[in-house]
N, C-alpha and C. Protein backbone atom coordinates (compact mmCIF):
# COMPACT_ATOMS: atom_id res chain seq x y z
N MET A 1 51.34 92.57 21.35
CA MET A 1 52.18 91.47 21.82
C MET A 1 53.30 91.25 20.81
N LEU A 2 54.53 91.31 21.28
CA LEU A 2 55.68 91.08 20.40
C LEU A 2 56.11 89.62 20.41
N HIS A 3 56.03 89.00 21.59
CA HIS A 3 56.48 87.62 21.72
C HIS A 3 55.85 87.00 22.96
N THR A 4 55.36 85.78 22.83
CA THR A 4 54.86 85.02 23.97
C THR A 4 55.93 84.01 24.34
N GLY A 5 56.48 84.15 25.53
CA GLY A 5 57.56 83.28 25.98
C GLY A 5 57.07 82.18 26.90
N ARG A 6 58.01 81.33 27.29
CA ARG A 6 57.70 80.20 28.17
C ARG A 6 57.29 80.69 29.56
N LYS A 7 57.97 81.72 30.08
CA LYS A 7 57.68 82.21 31.42
C LYS A 7 57.09 83.61 31.44
N PHE A 8 57.35 84.43 30.42
CA PHE A 8 56.82 85.78 30.38
C PHE A 8 56.65 86.23 28.94
N ASN A 9 55.94 87.36 28.77
CA ASN A 9 55.62 87.87 27.44
C ASN A 9 56.24 89.25 27.24
N PHE A 10 56.50 89.57 25.98
CA PHE A 10 57.04 90.88 25.62
C PHE A 10 55.96 91.65 24.87
N GLU A 11 55.69 92.88 25.33
CA GLU A 11 54.66 93.71 24.71
C GLU A 11 55.24 95.07 24.32
N ARG A 12 54.64 95.69 23.32
CA ARG A 12 54.94 97.07 22.98
C ARG A 12 53.71 97.89 23.35
N LEU A 13 53.92 98.89 24.18
CA LEU A 13 52.84 99.77 24.61
C LEU A 13 52.95 101.10 23.89
N THR A 14 51.82 101.68 23.59
CA THR A 14 51.77 103.05 23.09
C THR A 14 51.24 103.89 24.24
N ILE A 15 52.03 104.87 24.67
CA ILE A 15 51.65 105.70 25.81
C ILE A 15 51.63 107.17 25.40
N ARG A 16 50.85 107.93 26.13
CA ARG A 16 50.77 109.37 25.89
C ARG A 16 51.41 110.07 27.10
N THR A 17 52.35 110.95 26.83
CA THR A 17 53.02 111.69 27.89
C THR A 17 52.12 112.80 28.40
N PRO A 18 52.43 113.38 29.58
CA PRO A 18 51.63 114.51 30.07
C PRO A 18 51.62 115.69 29.10
N GLY A 19 52.67 115.81 28.28
CA GLY A 19 52.73 116.89 27.29
C GLY A 19 51.99 116.59 26.01
N GLY A 20 51.41 115.37 25.90
CA GLY A 20 50.62 115.01 24.74
C GLY A 20 51.35 114.23 23.67
N ALA A 21 52.64 113.98 23.85
CA ALA A 21 53.40 113.20 22.85
C ALA A 21 53.03 111.72 22.97
N THR A 22 53.13 111.02 21.87
CA THR A 22 52.88 109.58 21.84
C THR A 22 54.22 108.86 21.73
N LEU A 23 54.44 107.89 22.63
CA LEU A 23 55.68 107.12 22.66
C LEU A 23 55.38 105.63 22.66
N GLN A 24 56.34 104.86 22.23
CA GLN A 24 56.22 103.41 22.33
C GLN A 24 57.28 102.90 23.29
N ARG A 25 56.88 101.95 24.11
CA ARG A 25 57.79 101.33 25.08
C ARG A 25 57.59 99.82 25.04
N GLU A 26 58.69 99.09 25.10
CA GLU A 26 58.62 97.63 25.20
C GLU A 26 58.73 97.26 26.67
N ILE A 27 57.87 96.32 27.09
CA ILE A 27 57.87 95.87 28.48
C ILE A 27 57.75 94.36 28.54
N ILE A 28 58.07 93.84 29.69
CA ILE A 28 57.93 92.40 29.96
C ILE A 28 56.77 92.22 30.91
N ARG A 29 55.80 91.41 30.52
CA ARG A 29 54.68 91.03 31.39
C ARG A 29 55.09 89.73 32.07
N HIS A 30 55.08 89.74 33.41
CA HIS A 30 55.60 88.61 34.18
C HIS A 30 54.54 88.16 35.18
N PRO A 31 54.37 86.84 35.39
CA PRO A 31 53.35 86.36 36.32
C PRO A 31 53.70 86.54 37.79
N GLY A 32 54.91 86.98 38.09
CA GLY A 32 55.34 87.13 39.48
C GLY A 32 56.29 86.02 39.86
N ALA A 33 56.98 86.21 40.97
CA ALA A 33 57.99 85.26 41.39
C ALA A 33 58.12 85.28 42.91
N VAL A 34 58.93 84.34 43.40
CA VAL A 34 59.21 84.25 44.83
C VAL A 34 60.71 84.16 45.04
N VAL A 35 61.14 84.55 46.22
CA VAL A 35 62.51 84.33 46.69
C VAL A 35 62.39 83.85 48.13
N VAL A 36 63.23 82.87 48.49
CA VAL A 36 63.12 82.23 49.81
C VAL A 36 64.46 82.30 50.52
N VAL A 37 64.42 82.72 51.79
CA VAL A 37 65.59 82.68 52.67
C VAL A 37 65.40 81.48 53.59
N PRO A 38 66.02 80.34 53.27
CA PRO A 38 65.87 79.15 54.11
C PRO A 38 66.87 79.19 55.28
N VAL A 39 66.36 79.02 56.50
CA VAL A 39 67.20 79.10 57.69
C VAL A 39 67.16 77.77 58.43
N LEU A 40 68.34 77.18 58.60
CA LEU A 40 68.46 75.92 59.33
C LEU A 40 68.31 76.17 60.84
N PRO A 41 68.03 75.13 61.62
CA PRO A 41 67.86 75.31 63.07
C PRO A 41 69.06 75.97 63.75
N ASP A 42 70.27 75.77 63.23
CA ASP A 42 71.46 76.39 63.83
C ASP A 42 71.66 77.83 63.36
N GLY A 43 70.73 78.36 62.56
CA GLY A 43 70.79 79.75 62.11
C GLY A 43 71.47 79.98 60.78
N ARG A 44 72.09 78.93 60.22
CA ARG A 44 72.74 79.10 58.92
C ARG A 44 71.69 79.28 57.83
N ILE A 45 72.07 80.04 56.81
CA ILE A 45 71.20 80.28 55.65
C ILE A 45 71.64 79.36 54.53
N VAL A 46 70.67 78.74 53.88
CA VAL A 46 70.93 77.87 52.73
C VAL A 46 70.95 78.74 51.48
N LEU A 47 72.09 78.74 50.79
CA LEU A 47 72.24 79.50 49.55
C LEU A 47 72.54 78.54 48.40
N ILE A 48 72.45 79.05 47.19
CA ILE A 48 72.74 78.23 46.01
C ILE A 48 73.76 78.94 45.13
N ARG A 49 74.47 78.14 44.36
CA ARG A 49 75.31 78.63 43.26
C ARG A 49 74.65 78.12 41.99
N VAL A 50 74.36 79.06 41.09
CA VAL A 50 73.66 78.71 39.86
C VAL A 50 74.31 79.41 38.68
N GLN A 51 74.44 78.69 37.58
CA GLN A 51 74.99 79.29 36.36
C GLN A 51 73.94 80.22 35.77
N ARG A 52 74.31 81.48 35.59
CA ARG A 52 73.43 82.47 34.98
C ARG A 52 74.00 82.84 33.62
N HIS A 53 73.35 82.38 32.58
CA HIS A 53 73.84 82.58 31.22
C HIS A 53 73.88 84.06 30.83
N ALA A 54 72.93 84.84 31.30
CA ALA A 54 72.95 86.27 30.98
C ALA A 54 74.19 86.96 31.55
N LEU A 55 74.69 86.45 32.66
CA LEU A 55 75.88 87.01 33.30
C LEU A 55 77.16 86.33 32.83
N GLU A 56 77.00 85.18 32.18
CA GLU A 56 78.12 84.36 31.74
C GLU A 56 79.01 83.97 32.91
N ARG A 57 78.34 83.61 34.02
CA ARG A 57 79.07 83.21 35.21
C ARG A 57 78.14 82.51 36.20
N GLU A 58 78.75 81.92 37.20
CA GLU A 58 77.99 81.34 38.30
C GLU A 58 77.65 82.46 39.28
N ASN A 59 76.48 82.38 39.88
CA ASN A 59 76.02 83.43 40.78
C ASN A 59 75.57 82.82 42.09
N VAL A 60 75.79 83.53 43.20
CA VAL A 60 75.32 83.12 44.53
C VAL A 60 73.97 83.79 44.76
N GLU A 61 72.98 82.98 45.17
CA GLU A 61 71.62 83.48 45.33
C GLU A 61 70.88 82.71 46.41
N CYS A 62 69.74 83.24 46.82
CA CYS A 62 68.74 82.47 47.54
C CYS A 62 67.91 81.75 46.48
N CYS A 63 67.25 80.67 46.86
CA CYS A 63 66.41 79.98 45.89
C CYS A 63 65.23 80.87 45.52
N ALA A 64 64.76 80.73 44.29
CA ALA A 64 63.71 81.60 43.78
C ALA A 64 63.08 80.95 42.56
N GLY A 65 61.94 81.47 42.14
CA GLY A 65 61.33 80.95 40.93
C GLY A 65 60.07 81.69 40.54
N THR A 66 59.62 81.40 39.34
CA THR A 66 58.44 82.03 38.76
C THR A 66 57.16 81.34 39.22
N ILE A 67 56.18 82.13 39.55
CA ILE A 67 54.86 81.61 39.94
C ILE A 67 54.16 81.06 38.71
N GLU A 68 53.66 79.85 38.81
CA GLU A 68 52.93 79.24 37.71
C GLU A 68 51.49 79.74 37.71
N HIS A 69 50.83 79.65 36.55
CA HIS A 69 49.45 80.13 36.40
C HIS A 69 48.56 79.51 37.49
N GLY A 70 47.88 80.36 38.25
CA GLY A 70 46.96 79.92 39.29
C GLY A 70 47.62 79.49 40.59
N GLU A 71 48.93 79.58 40.67
CA GLU A 71 49.67 79.14 41.87
C GLU A 71 49.77 80.29 42.87
N ALA A 72 49.55 80.00 44.14
CA ALA A 72 49.72 81.00 45.19
C ALA A 72 51.21 81.17 45.47
N PRO A 73 51.64 82.38 45.85
CA PRO A 73 53.06 82.60 46.12
C PRO A 73 53.66 81.65 47.15
N ASP A 74 52.94 81.35 48.22
CA ASP A 74 53.50 80.44 49.23
C ASP A 74 53.68 79.02 48.70
N ARG A 75 52.79 78.59 47.82
CA ARG A 75 52.94 77.26 47.19
C ARG A 75 54.15 77.24 46.27
N CYS A 76 54.33 78.32 45.53
CA CYS A 76 55.50 78.43 44.66
C CYS A 76 56.78 78.41 45.49
N ALA A 77 56.79 79.15 46.61
CA ALA A 77 57.97 79.18 47.48
C ALA A 77 58.30 77.78 48.00
N ALA A 78 57.29 77.04 48.43
CA ALA A 78 57.51 75.68 48.93
C ALA A 78 58.06 74.78 47.84
N ARG A 79 57.52 74.90 46.64
CA ARG A 79 57.95 74.09 45.50
C ARG A 79 59.38 74.43 45.10
N GLU A 80 59.69 75.70 44.96
CA GLU A 80 61.03 76.12 44.55
C GLU A 80 62.08 75.75 45.60
N LEU A 81 61.73 75.85 46.87
CA LEU A 81 62.65 75.48 47.94
C LEU A 81 63.10 74.03 47.79
N ILE A 82 62.14 73.14 47.58
CA ILE A 82 62.47 71.72 47.39
C ILE A 82 63.26 71.52 46.10
N GLU A 83 62.76 72.06 45.00
CA GLU A 83 63.41 71.87 43.70
C GLU A 83 64.88 72.28 43.73
N GLU A 84 65.15 73.48 44.24
CA GLU A 84 66.50 74.04 44.12
C GLU A 84 67.44 73.69 45.26
N THR A 85 66.93 73.56 46.49
CA THR A 85 67.82 73.31 47.63
C THR A 85 67.73 71.89 48.16
N GLY A 86 66.60 71.21 47.91
CA GLY A 86 66.42 69.89 48.47
C GLY A 86 65.90 69.90 49.90
N TYR A 87 65.43 71.07 50.36
CA TYR A 87 64.85 71.18 51.69
C TYR A 87 63.36 71.47 51.61
N GLU A 88 62.62 70.88 52.53
CA GLU A 88 61.20 71.16 52.69
C GLU A 88 61.05 71.96 53.97
N ALA A 89 60.17 72.97 53.97
CA ALA A 89 59.98 73.83 55.14
C ALA A 89 58.72 73.46 55.90
N ALA A 90 58.81 73.47 57.22
CA ALA A 90 57.63 73.31 58.06
C ALA A 90 56.84 74.63 58.07
N THR A 91 57.58 75.75 57.97
CA THR A 91 56.95 77.06 58.05
C THR A 91 57.53 78.00 57.00
N LEU A 92 56.65 78.70 56.29
CA LEU A 92 57.04 79.77 55.36
C LEU A 92 56.42 81.06 55.87
N ILE A 93 57.27 82.03 56.17
CA ILE A 93 56.81 83.31 56.72
C ILE A 93 56.97 84.39 55.64
N PRO A 94 55.86 85.03 55.22
CA PRO A 94 56.00 86.13 54.26
C PRO A 94 56.75 87.29 54.92
N ILE A 95 57.77 87.82 54.24
CA ILE A 95 58.55 88.92 54.83
C ILE A 95 58.53 90.19 53.96
N GLY A 96 57.79 90.16 52.87
CA GLY A 96 57.66 91.36 52.05
C GLY A 96 57.51 91.03 50.58
N SER A 97 57.20 92.04 49.80
CA SER A 97 57.14 91.88 48.34
C SER A 97 57.61 93.19 47.72
N PHE A 98 58.06 93.09 46.47
CA PHE A 98 58.64 94.26 45.82
C PHE A 98 58.57 94.08 44.31
N TRP A 99 58.60 95.21 43.60
CA TRP A 99 58.69 95.22 42.14
C TRP A 99 60.17 95.04 41.79
N THR A 100 60.50 94.12 40.92
CA THR A 100 61.91 93.84 40.63
C THR A 100 62.57 94.91 39.79
N THR A 101 61.95 95.30 38.70
CA THR A 101 62.52 96.28 37.78
C THR A 101 61.37 97.03 37.13
N PRO A 102 60.73 97.96 37.85
CA PRO A 102 59.50 98.58 37.35
C PRO A 102 59.67 99.42 36.09
N GLY A 103 60.87 99.71 35.70
CA GLY A 103 61.06 100.45 34.45
C GLY A 103 60.90 99.59 33.22
N MET A 104 60.91 98.25 33.40
CA MET A 104 60.82 97.38 32.23
C MET A 104 59.89 96.19 32.39
N THR A 105 59.41 95.93 33.62
CA THR A 105 58.54 94.77 33.83
C THR A 105 57.57 95.00 34.98
N ASP A 106 56.47 94.25 34.95
CA ASP A 106 55.49 94.31 36.04
C ASP A 106 55.71 93.16 37.04
N GLU A 107 56.89 92.53 37.00
CA GLU A 107 57.17 91.42 37.90
C GLU A 107 57.15 91.88 39.35
N ARG A 108 56.35 91.19 40.16
CA ARG A 108 56.30 91.42 41.60
C ARG A 108 56.87 90.18 42.25
N MET A 109 57.83 90.36 43.14
CA MET A 109 58.47 89.24 43.81
C MET A 109 58.03 89.22 45.26
N HIS A 110 57.70 88.01 45.74
CA HIS A 110 57.25 87.78 47.10
C HIS A 110 58.37 87.07 47.86
N ALA A 111 58.79 87.65 48.98
CA ALA A 111 59.90 87.09 49.77
C ALA A 111 59.35 86.32 50.97
N PHE A 112 60.00 85.19 51.25
CA PHE A 112 59.62 84.32 52.37
C PHE A 112 60.85 83.91 53.16
N LEU A 113 60.65 83.69 54.46
CA LEU A 113 61.64 83.04 55.30
C LEU A 113 61.13 81.62 55.53
N ALA A 114 61.99 80.63 55.33
CA ALA A 114 61.62 79.23 55.51
C ALA A 114 62.33 78.67 56.73
N THR A 115 61.56 78.05 57.63
CA THR A 115 62.14 77.43 58.83
C THR A 115 61.61 76.02 58.99
N GLY A 116 62.16 75.30 59.97
CA GLY A 116 61.76 73.91 60.17
C GLY A 116 62.15 73.07 58.97
N LEU A 117 63.37 73.26 58.47
CA LEU A 117 63.80 72.61 57.24
C LEU A 117 64.11 71.13 57.45
N ARG A 118 63.72 70.35 56.45
CA ARG A 118 63.98 68.90 56.44
C ARG A 118 64.51 68.55 55.06
N ALA A 119 65.65 67.84 55.03
CA ALA A 119 66.26 67.46 53.75
C ALA A 119 65.41 66.39 53.06
N VAL A 120 65.03 66.67 51.81
CA VAL A 120 64.22 65.72 51.02
C VAL A 120 64.84 65.45 49.65
N GLY A 121 65.91 66.15 49.32
CA GLY A 121 66.58 65.96 48.02
C GLY A 121 66.09 66.95 46.97
N GLN A 122 67.04 67.45 46.17
CA GLN A 122 66.72 68.39 45.11
C GLN A 122 65.86 67.73 44.03
N LYS A 123 65.04 68.54 43.38
CA LYS A 123 64.23 68.10 42.23
C LYS A 123 64.42 69.12 41.12
N LEU A 124 65.65 69.20 40.63
CA LEU A 124 66.01 70.22 39.64
C LEU A 124 65.27 70.01 38.32
N GLU A 125 64.98 71.14 37.65
CA GLU A 125 64.45 71.07 36.30
C GLU A 125 65.58 70.65 35.37
N GLU A 126 65.22 70.19 34.20
CA GLU A 126 66.18 69.63 33.24
C GLU A 126 67.34 70.58 32.93
N ASP A 127 67.06 71.87 32.86
CA ASP A 127 68.09 72.83 32.46
C ASP A 127 68.83 73.47 33.65
N GLU A 128 68.60 72.97 34.87
CA GLU A 128 69.21 73.58 36.05
C GLU A 128 70.43 72.79 36.53
N SER A 129 71.44 73.52 36.94
CA SER A 129 72.62 72.96 37.57
C SER A 129 72.89 73.84 38.78
N ILE A 130 72.51 73.36 39.95
CA ILE A 130 72.56 74.18 41.16
C ILE A 130 73.29 73.42 42.26
N SER A 131 74.26 74.09 42.90
CA SER A 131 74.90 73.52 44.07
C SER A 131 74.44 74.30 45.30
N VAL A 132 74.32 73.59 46.40
CA VAL A 132 73.78 74.15 47.64
C VAL A 132 74.91 74.27 48.65
N PHE A 133 74.92 75.37 49.39
CA PHE A 133 75.87 75.53 50.49
C PHE A 133 75.22 76.38 51.58
N CYS A 134 75.76 76.33 52.78
CA CYS A 134 75.17 77.02 53.92
C CYS A 134 76.20 77.94 54.56
N VAL A 135 75.74 79.10 55.00
CA VAL A 135 76.61 80.06 55.68
C VAL A 135 75.87 80.65 56.88
N ALA A 136 76.64 81.06 57.88
CA ALA A 136 76.05 81.77 59.02
C ALA A 136 75.40 83.05 58.50
N SER A 137 74.36 83.50 59.18
CA SER A 137 73.66 84.70 58.70
C SER A 137 74.60 85.90 58.65
N GLY A 138 75.51 86.00 59.61
CA GLY A 138 76.49 87.09 59.59
C GLY A 138 77.39 87.03 58.37
N GLU A 139 77.74 85.81 57.95
CA GLU A 139 78.56 85.65 56.75
C GLU A 139 77.78 86.02 55.50
N ALA A 140 76.49 85.69 55.46
CA ALA A 140 75.66 86.09 54.31
C ALA A 140 75.62 87.61 54.20
N LEU A 141 75.48 88.29 55.33
CA LEU A 141 75.49 89.76 55.32
C LEU A 141 76.85 90.29 54.89
N ALA A 142 77.93 89.64 55.34
CA ALA A 142 79.28 90.05 54.93
C ALA A 142 79.48 89.81 53.43
N MET A 143 78.91 88.74 52.90
CA MET A 143 79.01 88.46 51.47
C MET A 143 78.34 89.56 50.66
N ILE A 144 77.23 90.08 51.18
CA ILE A 144 76.56 91.21 50.53
C ILE A 144 77.49 92.42 50.55
N GLU A 145 78.05 92.72 51.70
CA GLU A 145 78.96 93.87 51.84
C GLU A 145 80.17 93.76 50.91
N ARG A 146 80.71 92.54 50.74
CA ARG A 146 81.90 92.34 49.91
C ARG A 146 81.55 92.24 48.42
N GLY A 147 80.27 92.19 48.08
CA GLY A 147 79.87 92.07 46.68
C GLY A 147 79.91 90.65 46.16
N GLU A 148 80.09 89.66 47.02
CA GLU A 148 80.10 88.25 46.62
C GLU A 148 78.68 87.73 46.41
N LEU A 149 77.73 88.32 47.12
CA LEU A 149 76.31 88.02 46.95
C LEU A 149 75.71 89.32 46.44
N ALA A 150 75.57 89.42 45.12
CA ALA A 150 75.15 90.68 44.49
C ALA A 150 73.84 90.54 43.73
N ASP A 151 73.10 89.47 43.98
CA ASP A 151 71.80 89.24 43.36
C ASP A 151 70.75 90.04 44.13
N ALA A 152 70.10 90.97 43.46
CA ALA A 152 69.20 91.92 44.14
C ALA A 152 68.09 91.23 44.93
N LYS A 153 67.43 90.24 44.34
CA LYS A 153 66.31 89.60 45.06
C LYS A 153 66.80 88.93 46.33
N SER A 154 67.98 88.30 46.27
CA SER A 154 68.53 87.62 47.44
C SER A 154 68.97 88.64 48.49
N MET A 155 69.61 89.71 48.05
CA MET A 155 70.03 90.75 48.98
C MET A 155 68.83 91.34 49.70
N ILE A 156 67.79 91.67 48.96
CA ILE A 156 66.60 92.28 49.56
C ILE A 156 65.96 91.31 50.55
N ALA A 157 65.82 90.05 50.17
CA ALA A 157 65.17 89.08 51.05
C ALA A 157 65.97 88.88 52.34
N ILE A 158 67.27 88.72 52.22
CA ILE A 158 68.11 88.54 53.42
C ILE A 158 68.05 89.78 54.31
N LEU A 159 68.13 90.95 53.70
CA LEU A 159 68.07 92.19 54.49
C LEU A 159 66.70 92.40 55.13
N LEU A 160 65.62 92.01 54.43
CA LEU A 160 64.29 92.07 55.04
C LEU A 160 64.21 91.14 56.25
N ALA A 161 64.71 89.93 56.12
CA ALA A 161 64.71 88.97 57.24
C ALA A 161 65.53 89.49 58.40
N GLU A 162 66.70 90.04 58.10
CA GLU A 162 67.58 90.56 59.15
C GLU A 162 66.92 91.75 59.85
N ARG A 163 66.33 92.64 59.08
CA ARG A 163 65.68 93.84 59.64
C ARG A 163 64.52 93.46 60.55
N ARG A 164 63.83 92.36 60.24
CA ARG A 164 62.70 91.93 61.06
C ARG A 164 63.15 91.07 62.25
N GLY A 165 64.46 90.90 62.42
CA GLY A 165 64.99 90.13 63.56
C GLY A 165 64.79 88.65 63.43
N LEU A 166 64.68 88.15 62.18
CA LEU A 166 64.41 86.72 61.96
C LEU A 166 65.66 85.89 61.75
N LEU A 167 66.82 86.54 61.69
CA LEU A 167 68.09 85.81 61.52
C LEU A 167 68.85 85.84 62.84
N HIS A 168 69.59 84.77 63.09
CA HIS A 168 70.40 84.73 64.33
C HIS A 168 71.75 84.11 64.06
């Protein structure tokens, strides 16, 4: 263990290659995360603008967050949806899961579609500054094509929802 962080840990692994060489690799151990595609009754998708310090810019994304110890992915999705967008969902539909960056972390992300949305107000964490906006599903897909929505987890979740015929 190199470092124990607030949300994930950094480890150094010693591995043996098929040729017998010994190598060291640093990895991130992650508890998993969720990404949510919230869809309003009129078919618009709720997106967020969030300041991403690693990018040194504001980024357009779907709401998402880290699973807390012992928390089920659907509970995390419901919690993050309220915290970041201010909407509560009547229904959360699992639409897939994926490894985010398997070359450096074991983070598995669970994607959900949220429907039956009801405005309840954002419950942002102390360090979050998030603005909410809504776009037609076709516009969200166009934003991906134009590179305006370039966040991988959000792109994958929206495309999974679209491929399953869940967007209109």
